[in-house]
PDB file of all heavy atoms in Angstrom:
ATOM      1  N   GLY A   1      46.097  16.910 -39.741  1.00  0.00           N
ATOM      2  CA  GLY A   1      44.926  17.525 -39.137  1.00  0.00           C
ATOM      3  C   GLY A   1      44.273  18.572 -40.017  1.00  0.00           C
ATOM      4  O   GLY A   1      43.040  18.702 -40.042  1.00  0.00           O
ATOM      5  N   ALA A   2      45.072  19.343 -40.762  1.00  0.00           N
ATOM      6  CA  ALA A   2      44.522  20.387 -41.618  1.00  0.00           C
ATOM      7  C   ALA A   2      43.642  19.821 -42.722  1.00  0.00           C
ATOM      8  O   ALA A   2      42.703  20.480 -43.179  1.00  0.00           O
ATOM      9  CB  ALA A   2      45.659  21.210 -42.230  1.00  0.00           C
ATOM     10  N   VAL A   3      43.937  18.598 -43.148  1.00  0.00           N
ATOM     11  CA  VAL A   3      43.130  17.937 -44.178  1.00  0.00           C
ATOM     12  C   VAL A   3      41.945  17.214 -43.543  1.00  0.00           C
ATOM     13  O   VAL A   3      40.789  17.392 -43.957  1.00  0.00           O
ATOM     14  CB  VAL A   3      43.987  16.949 -44.998  1.00  0.00           C
ATOM     15  CG1 VAL A   3      43.116  16.146 -45.955  1.00  0.00           C
ATOM     16  CG2 VAL A   3      45.066  17.702 -45.768  1.00  0.00           C
ATOM     17  N   MET A   4      42.224  16.393 -42.552  1.00  0.00           N
ATOM     18  CA  MET A   4      41.171  15.569 -41.958  1.00  0.00           C
ATOM     19  C   MET A   4      40.057  16.403 -41.342  1.00  0.00           C
ATOM     20  O   MET A   4      38.882  16.019 -41.371  1.00  0.00           O
ATOM     21  CB  MET A   4      41.768  14.640 -40.897  1.00  0.00           C
ATOM     22  CG  MET A   4      42.579  13.489 -41.477  1.00  0.00           C
ATOM     23  SD  MET A   4      41.565  12.401 -42.505  1.00  0.00           S
ATOM     24  CE  MET A   4      42.515  10.888 -42.458  1.00  0.00           C
ATOM     25  N   SER A   5      40.389  17.564 -40.802  1.00  0.00           N
ATOM     26  CA  SER A   5      39.366  18.401 -40.178  1.00  0.00           C
ATOM     27  C   SER A   5      38.391  18.967 -41.198  1.00  0.00           C
ATOM     28  O   SER A   5      37.283  19.396 -40.839  1.00  0.00           O
ATOM     29  CB  SER A   5      40.028  19.546 -39.403  1.00  0.00           C
ATOM     30  OG  SER A   5      40.743  20.405 -40.284  1.00  0.00           O
ATOM     31  N   ARG A   6      38.757  18.964 -42.469  1.00  0.00           N
ATOM     32  CA  ARG A   6      37.881  19.472 -43.534  1.00  0.00           C
ATOM     33  C   ARG A   6      37.125  18.356 -44.237  1.00  0.00           C
ATOM     34  O   ARG A   6      36.283  18.621 -45.098  1.00  0.00           O
ATOM     35  CB  ARG A   6      38.711  20.237 -44.564  1.00  0.00           C
ATOM     36  CG  ARG A   6      39.345  21.513 -44.035  1.00  0.00           C
ATOM     37  CD  ARG A   6      40.477  21.970 -44.940  1.00  0.00           C
ATOM     38  NE  ARG A   6      40.049  22.167 -46.319  1.00  0.00           N
ATOM     39  CZ  ARG A   6      40.883  22.127 -47.371  1.00  0.00           C
ATOM     40  NH1 ARG A   6      42.174  21.872 -47.184  1.00  0.00           N
ATOM     41  NH2 ARG A   6      40.405  22.308 -48.584  1.00  0.00           N
ATOM     42  N   ASP A   7      37.428  17.112 -43.894  1.00  0.00           N
ATOM     43  CA  ASP A   7      36.820  15.962 -44.583  1.00  0.00           C
ATOM     44  C   ASP A   7      35.554  15.556 -43.841  1.00  0.00           C
ATOM     45  O   ASP A   7      35.568  14.671 -42.980  1.00  0.00           O
ATOM     46  CB  ASP A   7      37.837  14.817 -44.646  1.00  0.00           C
ATOM     47  CG  ASP A   7      37.369  13.688 -45.559  1.00  0.00           C
ATOM     48  OD1 ASP A   7      36.268  13.806 -46.136  1.00  0.00           O
ATOM     49  OD2 ASP A   7      38.106  12.699 -45.694  1.00  0.00           O
ATOM     50  N   LEU A   8      34.451  16.211 -44.193  1.00  0.00           N
ATOM     51  CA  LEU A   8      33.202  16.056 -43.448  1.00  0.00           C
ATOM     52  C   LEU A   8      32.221  15.188 -44.225  1.00  0.00           C
ATOM     53  O   LEU A   8      32.622  14.371 -45.043  1.00  0.00           O
ATOM     54  CB  LEU A   8      32.634  17.444 -43.151  1.00  0.00           C
ATOM     55  CG  LEU A   8      33.598  18.399 -42.417  1.00  0.00           C
ATOM     56  CD1 LEU A   8      32.996  19.788 -42.320  1.00  0.00           C
ATOM     57  CD2 LEU A   8      33.959  17.863 -41.042  1.00  0.00           C
ATOM     58  N   ASP A   9      30.928  15.357 -43.966  1.00  0.00           N
ATOM     59  CA  ASP A   9      29.916  14.591 -44.673  1.00  0.00           C
ATOM     60  C   ASP A   9      29.700  15.172 -46.066  1.00  0.00           C
ATOM     61  O   ASP A   9      30.178  16.262 -46.389  1.00  0.00           O
ATOM     62  CB  ASP A   9      28.608  14.580 -43.881  1.00  0.00           C
ATOM     63  CG  ASP A   9      28.109  15.993 -43.618  1.00  0.00           C
ATOM     64  OD1 ASP A   9      28.542  16.583 -42.599  1.00  0.00           O
ATOM     65  OD2 ASP A   9      27.326  16.510 -44.430  1.00  0.00           O
ATOM     66  N   VAL A  10      28.947  14.464 -46.904  1.00  0.00           N
ATOM     67  CA  VAL A  10      28.796  14.849 -48.308  1.00  0.00           C
ATOM     68  C   VAL A  10      28.160  16.232 -48.454  1.00  0.00           C
ATOM     69  O   VAL A  10      28.591  17.039 -49.286  1.00  0.00           O
ATOM     70  CB  VAL A  10      27.964  13.789 -49.064  1.00  0.00           C
ATOM     71  CG1 VAL A  10      27.574  14.293 -50.454  1.00  0.00           C
ATOM     72  CG2 VAL A  10      28.750  12.488 -49.190  1.00  0.00           C
ATOM     73  N   ALA A  11      27.153  16.533 -47.659  1.00  0.00           N
ATOM     74  CA  ALA A  11      26.449  17.811 -47.786  1.00  0.00           C
ATOM     75  C   ALA A  11      27.345  19.001 -47.463  1.00  0.00           C
ATOM     76  O   ALA A  11      27.093  20.123 -47.917  1.00  0.00           O
ATOM     77  CB  ALA A  11      25.215  17.836 -46.889  1.00  0.00           C
ATOM     78  N   ARG A  12      28.408  18.766 -46.693  1.00  0.00           N
ATOM     79  CA  ARG A  12      29.338  19.848 -46.347  1.00  0.00           C
ATOM     80  C   ARG A  12      30.702  19.657 -47.004  1.00  0.00           C
ATOM     81  O   ARG A  12      31.677  20.296 -46.590  1.00  0.00           O
ATOM     82  CB  ARG A  12      29.505  19.912 -44.832  1.00  0.00           C
ATOM     83  CG  ARG A  12      28.248  20.296 -44.071  1.00  0.00           C
ATOM     84  CD  ARG A  12      28.522  20.386 -42.584  1.00  0.00           C
ATOM     85  NE  ARG A  12      28.837  19.088 -42.001  1.00  0.00           N
ATOM     86  CZ  ARG A  12      29.399  18.908 -40.807  1.00  0.00           C
ATOM     87  NH1 ARG A  12      29.735  19.950 -40.068  1.00  0.00           N
ATOM     88  NH2 ARG A  12      29.634  17.694 -40.345  1.00  0.00           N
ATOM     89  N   MET A  13      30.781  18.825 -48.043  1.00  0.00           N
ATOM     90  CA  MET A  13      32.074  18.479 -48.614  1.00  0.00           C
ATOM     91  C   MET A  13      32.747  19.668 -49.288  1.00  0.00           C
ATOM     92  O   MET A  13      32.141  20.374 -50.093  1.00  0.00           O
ATOM     93  CB  MET A  13      31.908  17.334 -49.627  1.00  0.00           C
ATOM     94  CG  MET A  13      33.202  16.891 -50.300  1.00  0.00           C
ATOM     95  SD  MET A  13      34.510  16.416 -49.127  1.00  0.00           S
ATOM     96  CE  MET A  13      33.705  15.058 -48.271  1.00  0.00           C
ATOM     97  N   ASP A  14      33.998  19.877 -48.959  1.00  0.00           N
ATOM     98  CA  ASP A  14      34.870  20.848 -49.611  1.00  0.00           C
ATOM     99  C   ASP A  14      35.409  20.174 -50.877  1.00  0.00           C
ATOM    100  O   ASP A  14      36.170  19.206 -50.796  1.00  0.00           O
ATOM    101  CB  ASP A  14      36.002  21.211 -48.652  1.00  0.00           C
ATOM    102  CG  ASP A  14      36.991  22.204 -49.222  1.00  0.00           C
ATOM    103  OD1 ASP A  14      37.218  22.194 -50.448  1.00  0.00           O
ATOM    104  OD2 ASP A  14      37.574  22.967 -48.439  1.00  0.00           O
ATOM    105  N   VAL A  15      35.012  20.666 -52.049  1.00  0.00           N
ATOM    106  CA  VAL A  15      35.361  19.993 -53.298  1.00  0.00           C
ATOM    107  C   VAL A  15      36.871  19.978 -53.520  1.00  0.00           C
ATOM    108  O   VAL A  15      37.430  18.989 -54.030  1.00  0.00           O
ATOM    109  CB  VAL A  15      34.632  20.647 -54.488  1.00  0.00           C
ATOM    110  CG1 VAL A  15      35.097  20.040 -55.814  1.00  0.00           C
ATOM    111  CG2 VAL A  15      33.122  20.465 -54.341  1.00  0.00           C
ATOM    112  N   GLU A  16      37.551  21.028 -53.132  1.00  0.00           N
ATOM    113  CA  GLU A  16      39.005  21.034 -53.272  1.00  0.00           C
ATOM    114  C   GLU A  16      39.648  19.950 -52.407  1.00  0.00           C
ATOM    115  O   GLU A  16      40.607  19.294 -52.817  1.00  0.00           O
ATOM    116  CB  GLU A  16      39.578  22.403 -52.907  1.00  0.00           C
ATOM    117  CG  GLU A  16      39.276  23.495 -53.928  1.00  0.00           C
ATOM    118  CD  GLU A  16      39.988  24.790 -53.599  1.00  0.00           C
ATOM    119  OE1 GLU A  16      40.703  24.838 -52.562  1.00  0.00           O
ATOM    120  OE2 GLU A  16      39.826  25.754 -54.360  1.00  0.00           O
ATOM    121  N   LEU A  17      39.107  19.762 -51.211  1.00  0.00           N
ATOM    122  CA  LEU A  17      39.583  18.689 -50.325  1.00  0.00           C
ATOM    123  C   LEU A  17      39.329  17.333 -50.957  1.00  0.00           C
ATOM    124  O   LEU A  17      40.202  16.459 -50.964  1.00  0.00           O
ATOM    125  CB  LEU A  17      38.893  18.818 -48.966  1.00  0.00           C
ATOM    126  CG  LEU A  17      39.208  17.831 -47.836  1.00  0.00           C
ATOM    127  CD1 LEU A  17      38.499  16.515 -47.994  1.00  0.00           C
ATOM    128  CD2 LEU A  17      40.679  17.671 -47.630  1.00  0.00           C
ATOM    129  N   TRP A  18      38.126  17.128 -51.503  1.00  0.00           N
ATOM    130  CA  TRP A  18      37.783  15.871 -52.179  1.00  0.00           C
ATOM    131  C   TRP A  18      38.795  15.575 -53.287  1.00  0.00           C
ATOM    132  O   TRP A  18      39.340  14.473 -53.385  1.00  0.00           O
ATOM    133  CB  TRP A  18      36.372  15.968 -52.741  1.00  0.00           C
ATOM    134  CG  TRP A  18      35.929  14.799 -53.564  1.00  0.00           C
ATOM    135  CD1 TRP A  18      36.167  14.600 -54.898  1.00  0.00           C
ATOM    136  CD2 TRP A  18      35.186  13.660 -53.119  1.00  0.00           C
ATOM    137  NE1 TRP A  18      35.611  13.415 -55.314  1.00  0.00           N
ATOM    138  CE2 TRP A  18      35.006  12.827 -54.249  1.00  0.00           C
ATOM    139  CE3 TRP A  18      34.643  13.283 -51.897  1.00  0.00           C
ATOM    140  CZ2 TRP A  18      34.304  11.614 -54.169  1.00  0.00           C
ATOM    141  CZ3 TRP A  18      33.951  12.085 -51.830  1.00  0.00           C
ATOM    142  CH2 TRP A  18      33.780  11.257 -52.941  1.00  0.00           C
ATOM    143  N   ASP A  19      39.062  16.571 -54.122  1.00  0.00           N
ATOM    144  CA  ASP A  19      39.980  16.380 -55.247  1.00  0.00           C
ATOM    145  C   ASP A  19      41.397  16.072 -54.770  1.00  0.00           C
ATOM    146  O   ASP A  19      42.096  15.249 -55.367  1.00  0.00           O
ATOM    147  CB  ASP A  19      39.983  17.616 -56.146  1.00  0.00           C
ATOM    148  CG  ASP A  19      38.679  17.782 -56.919  1.00  0.00           C
ATOM    149  OD1 ASP A  19      37.904  16.807 -56.996  1.00  0.00           O
ATOM    150  OD2 ASP A  19      38.445  18.888 -57.452  1.00  0.00           O
ATOM    151  N   LEU A  20      41.831  16.723 -53.692  1.00  0.00           N
ATOM    152  CA  LEU A  20      43.162  16.461 -53.145  1.00  0.00           C
ATOM    153  C   LEU A  20      43.284  15.019 -52.672  1.00  0.00           C
ATOM    154  O   LEU A  20      44.261  14.321 -53.005  1.00  0.00           O
ATOM    155  CB  LEU A  20      43.442  17.401 -51.970  1.00  0.00           C
ATOM    156  CG  LEU A  20      44.687  17.077 -51.134  1.00  0.00           C
ATOM    157  CD1 LEU A  20      45.954  17.237 -51.974  1.00  0.00           C
ATOM    158  CD2 LEU A  20      44.737  17.942 -49.881  1.00  0.00           C
ATOM    159  N   VAL A  21      42.297  14.552 -51.909  1.00  0.00           N
ATOM    160  CA  VAL A  21      42.356  13.178 -51.386  1.00  0.00           C
ATOM    161  C   VAL A  21      42.344  12.167 -52.530  1.00  0.00           C
ATOM    162  O   VAL A  21      43.118  11.204 -52.531  1.00  0.00           O
ATOM    163  CB  VAL A  21      41.199  12.930 -50.401  1.00  0.00           C
ATOM    164  CG1 VAL A  21      41.172  11.462 -49.973  1.00  0.00           C
ATOM    165  CG2 VAL A  21      41.339  13.832 -49.180  1.00  0.00           C
ATOM    166  N   MET A  22      41.471  12.370 -53.504  1.00  0.00           N
ATOM    167  CA  MET A  22      41.419  11.449 -54.640  1.00  0.00           C
ATOM    168  C   MET A  22      42.725  11.473 -55.429  1.00  0.00           C
ATOM    169  O   MET A  22      43.200  10.434 -55.900  1.00  0.00           O
ATOM    170  CB  MET A  22      40.244  11.798 -55.561  1.00  0.00           C
ATOM    171  CG  MET A  22      38.883  11.660 -54.912  1.00  0.00           C
ATOM    172  SD  MET A  22      38.542   9.984 -54.319  1.00  0.00           S
ATOM    173  CE  MET A  22      37.270  10.329 -53.093  1.00  0.00           C
ATOM    174  N   ALA A  23      43.319  12.648 -55.565  1.00  0.00           N
ATOM    175  CA  ALA A  23      44.567  12.764 -56.321  1.00  0.00           C
ATOM    176  C   ALA A  23      45.703  11.999 -55.648  1.00  0.00           C
ATOM    177  O   ALA A  23      46.460  11.282 -56.303  1.00  0.00           O
ATOM    178  CB  ALA A  23      44.951  14.233 -56.477  1.00  0.00           C
ATOM    179  N   VAL A  24      45.803  12.122 -54.337  1.00  0.00           N
ATOM    180  CA  VAL A  24      46.904  11.459 -53.628  1.00  0.00           C
ATOM    181  C   VAL A  24      46.653   9.959 -53.509  1.00  0.00           C
ATOM    182  O   VAL A  24      47.521   9.142 -53.841  1.00  0.00           O
ATOM    183  CB  VAL A  24      47.109  12.088 -52.235  1.00  0.00           C
ATOM    184  CG1 VAL A  24      48.175  11.317 -51.458  1.00  0.00           C
ATOM    185  CG2 VAL A  24      47.505  13.555 -52.365  1.00  0.00           C
ATOM    186  N   VAL A  25      45.469   9.576 -53.047  1.00  0.00           N
ATOM    187  CA  VAL A  25      45.212   8.166 -52.748  1.00  0.00           C
ATOM    188  C   VAL A  25      44.995   7.340 -54.017  1.00  0.00           C
ATOM    189  O   VAL A  25      45.609   6.278 -54.191  1.00  0.00           O
ATOM    190  CB  VAL A  25      44.012   8.023 -51.796  1.00  0.00           C
ATOM    191  CG1 VAL A  25      43.665   6.554 -51.577  1.00  0.00           C
ATOM    192  CG2 VAL A  25      44.312   8.696 -50.456  1.00  0.00           C
ATOM    193  N   LEU A  26      44.121   7.797 -54.908  1.00  0.00           N
ATOM    194  CA  LEU A  26      43.791   7.001 -56.095  1.00  0.00           C
ATOM    195  C   LEU A  26      44.721   7.288 -57.273  1.00  0.00           C
ATOM    196  O   LEU A  26      45.350   6.379 -57.813  1.00  0.00           O
ATOM    197  CB  LEU A  26      42.339   7.231 -56.490  1.00  0.00           C
ATOM    198  CG  LEU A  26      41.304   6.598 -55.565  1.00  0.00           C
ATOM    199  CD1 LEU A  26      39.891   6.906 -56.046  1.00  0.00           C
ATOM    200  CD2 LEU A  26      41.494   5.085 -55.472  1.00  0.00           C
ATOM    201  N   ARG A  27      44.814   8.547 -57.672  1.00  0.00           N
ATOM    202  CA  ARG A  27      45.723   8.880 -58.772  1.00  0.00           C
ATOM    203  C   ARG A  27      47.156   8.511 -58.412  1.00  0.00           C
ATOM    204  O   ARG A  27      47.890   7.924 -59.206  1.00  0.00           O
ATOM    205  CB  ARG A  27      45.614  10.364 -59.106  1.00  0.00           C
ATOM    206  CG  ARG A  27      46.593  10.870 -60.181  1.00  0.00           C
ATOM    207  CD  ARG A  27      46.446  12.382 -60.337  1.00  0.00           C
ATOM    208  NE  ARG A  27      47.499  12.948 -61.141  1.00  0.00           N
ATOM    209  CZ  ARG A  27      47.407  13.156 -62.456  1.00  0.00           C
ATOM    210  NH1 ARG A  27      46.305  12.808 -63.094  1.00  0.00           N
ATOM    211  NH2 ARG A  27      48.417  13.703 -63.115  1.00  0.00           N
ATOM    212  N   GLY A  28      47.575   8.823 -57.185  1.00  0.00           N
ATOM    213  CA  GLY A  28      48.947   8.554 -56.768  1.00  0.00           C
ATOM    214  C   GLY A  28      49.302   7.091 -56.826  1.00  0.00           C
ATOM    215  O   GLY A  28      50.369   6.710 -57.311  1.00  0.00           O
ATOM    216  N   ASN A  29      48.416   6.219 -56.346  1.00  0.00           N
ATOM    217  CA  ASN A  29      48.710   4.785 -56.371  1.00  0.00           C
ATOM    218  C   ASN A  29      48.579   4.196 -57.765  1.00  0.00           C
ATOM    219  O   ASN A  29      49.321   3.282 -58.129  1.00  0.00           O
ATOM    220  CB  ASN A  29      47.819   4.053 -55.375  1.00  0.00           C
ATOM    221  CG  ASN A  29      48.344   4.165 -53.959  1.00  0.00           C
ATOM    222  OD1 ASN A  29      49.417   3.652 -53.649  1.00  0.00           O
ATOM    223  ND2 ASN A  29      47.609   4.857 -53.105  1.00  0.00           N
ATOM    224  N   MET A  30      47.634   4.727 -58.566  1.00  0.00           N
ATOM    225  CA  MET A  30      47.563   4.293 -59.964  1.00  0.00           C
ATOM    226  C   MET A  30      48.857   4.628 -60.688  1.00  0.00           C
ATOM    227  O   MET A  30      49.428   3.788 -61.402  1.00  0.00           O
ATOM    228  CB  MET A  30      46.375   4.963 -60.657  1.00  0.00           C
ATOM    229  CG  MET A  30      46.225   4.623 -62.142  1.00  0.00           C
ATOM    230  SD  MET A  30      47.256   5.671 -63.247  1.00  0.00           S
ATOM    231  CE  MET A  30      46.481   7.271 -63.033  1.00  0.00           C
ATOM    232  N   LEU A  31      49.361   5.855 -60.493  1.00  0.00           N
ATOM    233  CA  LEU A  31      50.604   6.248 -61.151  1.00  0.00           C
ATOM    234  C   LEU A  31      51.786   5.417 -60.653  1.00  0.00           C
ATOM    235  O   LEU A  31      52.668   5.050 -61.440  1.00  0.00           O
ATOM    236  CB  LEU A  31      50.877   7.737 -60.913  1.00  0.00           C
ATOM    237  CG  LEU A  31      49.985   8.718 -61.664  1.00  0.00           C
ATOM    238  CD1 LEU A  31      50.259  10.149 -61.192  1.00  0.00           C
ATOM    239  CD2 LEU A  31      50.195   8.602 -63.170  1.00  0.00           C
ATOM    240  N   GLY A  32      51.795   5.115 -59.363  1.00  0.00           N
ATOM    241  CA  GLY A  32      52.870   4.273 -58.846  1.00  0.00           C
ATOM    242  C   GLY A  32      52.891   2.922 -59.525  1.00  0.00           C
ATOM    243  O   GLY A  32      53.940   2.439 -59.962  1.00  0.00           O
ATOM    244  N   CYS A  33      51.718   2.298 -59.623  1.00  0.00           N
ATOM    245  CA  CYS A  33      51.631   1.002 -60.309  1.00  0.00           C
ATOM    246  C   CYS A  33      52.031   1.151 -61.776  1.00  0.00           C
ATOM    247  O   CYS A  33      52.803   0.334 -62.311  1.00  0.00           O
ATOM    248  CB  CYS A  33      50.225   0.438 -60.199  1.00  0.00           C
ATOM    249  SG  CYS A  33      49.726  -0.006 -58.520  1.00  0.00           S
ATOM    250  N   LYS A  34      51.526   2.180 -62.444  1.00  0.00           N
ATOM    251  CA  LYS A  34      51.811   2.388 -63.862  1.00  0.00           C
ATOM    252  C   LYS A  34      53.304   2.456 -64.135  1.00  0.00           C
ATOM    253  O   LYS A  34      53.807   1.853 -65.098  1.00  0.00           O
ATOM    254  CB  LYS A  34      51.137   3.681 -64.336  1.00  0.00           C
ATOM    255  CG  LYS A  34      51.476   4.063 -65.776  1.00  0.00           C
ATOM    256  CD  LYS A  34      50.830   5.376 -66.179  1.00  0.00           C
ATOM    257  CE  LYS A  34      51.252   5.765 -67.601  1.00  0.00           C
ATOM    258  NZ  LYS A  34      50.617   7.047 -68.035  1.00  0.00           N
ATOM    259  N   HIS A  35      54.029   3.170 -63.289  1.00  0.00           N
ATOM    260  CA  HIS A  35      55.448   3.406 -63.568  1.00  0.00           C
ATOM    261  C   HIS A  35      56.379   2.354 -62.982  1.00  0.00           C
ATOM    262  O   HIS A  35      57.520   2.231 -63.438  1.00  0.00           O
ATOM    263  CB  HIS A  35      55.832   4.811 -63.094  1.00  0.00           C
ATOM    264  CG  HIS A  35      55.270   5.881 -63.978  1.00  0.00           C
ATOM    265  ND1 HIS A  35      55.905   6.297 -65.119  1.00  0.00           N
ATOM    266  CD2 HIS A  35      54.099   6.570 -63.914  1.00  0.00           C
ATOM    267  CE1 HIS A  35      55.165   7.223 -65.723  1.00  0.00           C
ATOM    268  NE2 HIS A  35      54.073   7.407 -65.009  1.00  0.00           N
ATOM    269  N   VAL A  36      55.906   1.589 -62.005  1.00  0.00           N
ATOM    270  CA  VAL A  36      56.758   0.552 -61.416  1.00  0.00           C
ATOM    271  C   VAL A  36      56.555  -0.799 -62.091  1.00  0.00           C
ATOM    272  O   VAL A  36      57.487  -1.615 -62.151  1.00  0.00           O
ATOM    273  CB  VAL A  36      56.508   0.479 -59.896  1.00  0.00           C
ATOM    274  CG1 VAL A  36      57.149  -0.759 -59.291  1.00  0.00           C
ATOM    275  CG2 VAL A  36      57.049   1.730 -59.215  1.00  0.00           C
ATOM    276  N   ILE A  37      55.369  -1.059 -62.604  1.00  0.00           N
ATOM    277  CA  ILE A  37      55.107  -2.355 -63.236  1.00  0.00           C
ATOM    278  C   ILE A  37      56.096  -2.677 -64.359  1.00  0.00           C
ATOM    279  O   ILE A  37      56.590  -3.822 -64.429  1.00  0.00           O
ATOM    280  CB  ILE A  37      53.641  -2.438 -63.712  1.00  0.00           C
ATOM    281  CG1 ILE A  37      52.741  -2.710 -62.498  1.00  0.00           C
ATOM    282  CG2 ILE A  37      53.444  -3.521 -64.762  1.00  0.00           C
ATOM    283  CD1 ILE A  37      51.258  -2.569 -62.780  1.00  0.00           C
ATOM    284  N   PRO A  38      56.458  -1.743 -65.252  1.00  0.00           N
ATOM    285  CA  PRO A  38      57.476  -2.086 -66.264  1.00  0.00           C
ATOM    286  C   PRO A  38      58.802  -2.522 -65.649  1.00  0.00           C
ATOM    287  O   PRO A  38      59.461  -3.437 -66.168  1.00  0.00           O
ATOM    288  CB  PRO A  38      57.621  -0.787 -67.065  1.00  0.00           C
ATOM    289  CG  PRO A  38      56.298  -0.108 -66.913  1.00  0.00           C
ATOM    290  CD  PRO A  38      55.888  -0.403 -65.502  1.00  0.00           C
ATOM    291  N   SER A  39      59.198  -1.894 -64.545  1.00  0.00           N
ATOM    292  CA  SER A  39      60.422  -2.286 -63.854  1.00  0.00           C
ATOM    293  C   SER A  39      60.289  -3.701 -63.303  1.00  0.00           C
ATOM    294  O   SER A  39      61.210  -4.526 -63.410  1.00  0.00           O
ATOM    295  CB  SER A  39      60.712  -1.303 -62.717  1.00  0.00           C
ATOM    296  OG  SER A  39      62.018  -1.445 -62.208  1.00  0.00           O
ATOM    297  N   MET A  40      59.134  -4.016 -62.729  1.00  0.00           N
ATOM    298  CA  MET A  40      58.906  -5.357 -62.199  1.00  0.00           C
ATOM    299  C   MET A  40      58.904  -6.396 -63.315  1.00  0.00           C
ATOM    300  O   MET A  40      59.449  -7.490 -63.154  1.00  0.00           O
ATOM    301  CB  MET A  40      57.577  -5.395 -61.427  1.00  0.00           C
ATOM    302  CG  MET A  40      57.596  -4.612 -60.138  1.00  0.00           C
ATOM    303  SD  MET A  40      56.026  -4.759 -59.241  1.00  0.00           S
ATOM    304  CE  MET A  40      56.459  -3.909 -57.718  1.00  0.00           C
ATOM    305  N   ARG A  41      58.300  -6.054 -64.439  1.00  0.00           N
ATOM    306  CA  ARG A  41      58.284  -6.995 -65.555  1.00  0.00           C
ATOM    307  C   ARG A  41      59.697  -7.280 -66.054  1.00  0.00           C
ATOM    308  O   ARG A  41      60.033  -8.425 -66.378  1.00  0.00           O
ATOM    309  CB  ARG A  41      57.416  -6.459 -66.689  1.00  0.00           C
ATOM    310  CG  ARG A  41      55.929  -6.479 -66.384  1.00  0.00           C
ATOM    311  CD  ARG A  41      55.084  -6.070 -67.569  1.00  0.00           C
ATOM    312  NE  ARG A  41      55.240  -7.006 -68.690  1.00  0.00           N
ATOM    313  CZ  ARG A  41      54.578  -6.907 -69.836  1.00  0.00           C
ATOM    314  NH1 ARG A  41      53.728  -5.900 -70.031  1.00  0.00           N
ATOM    315  NH2 ARG A  41      54.756  -7.797 -70.793  1.00  0.00           N
ATOM    316  N   SER A  42      60.541  -6.257 -66.075  1.00  0.00           N
ATOM    317  CA  SER A  42      61.920  -6.473 -66.518  1.00  0.00           C
ATOM    318  C   SER A  42      62.695  -7.340 -65.540  1.00  0.00           C
ATOM    319  O   SER A  42      63.647  -8.031 -65.925  1.00  0.00           O
ATOM    320  CB  SER A  42      62.637  -5.126 -66.697  1.00  0.00           C
ATOM    321  OG  SER A  42      62.932  -4.523 -65.446  1.00  0.00           O
TER     322      SER A  42
END
């Protein structure tokens, strides 16, 4: 709730909130793929 309540429309966007969401959802999953794919290939 503390995150979602701050995730509003673009004109009211909290940039720190934007960066947090992108870091967890996009960066986090990219890093997961990056580090697990070598294990899968082996």
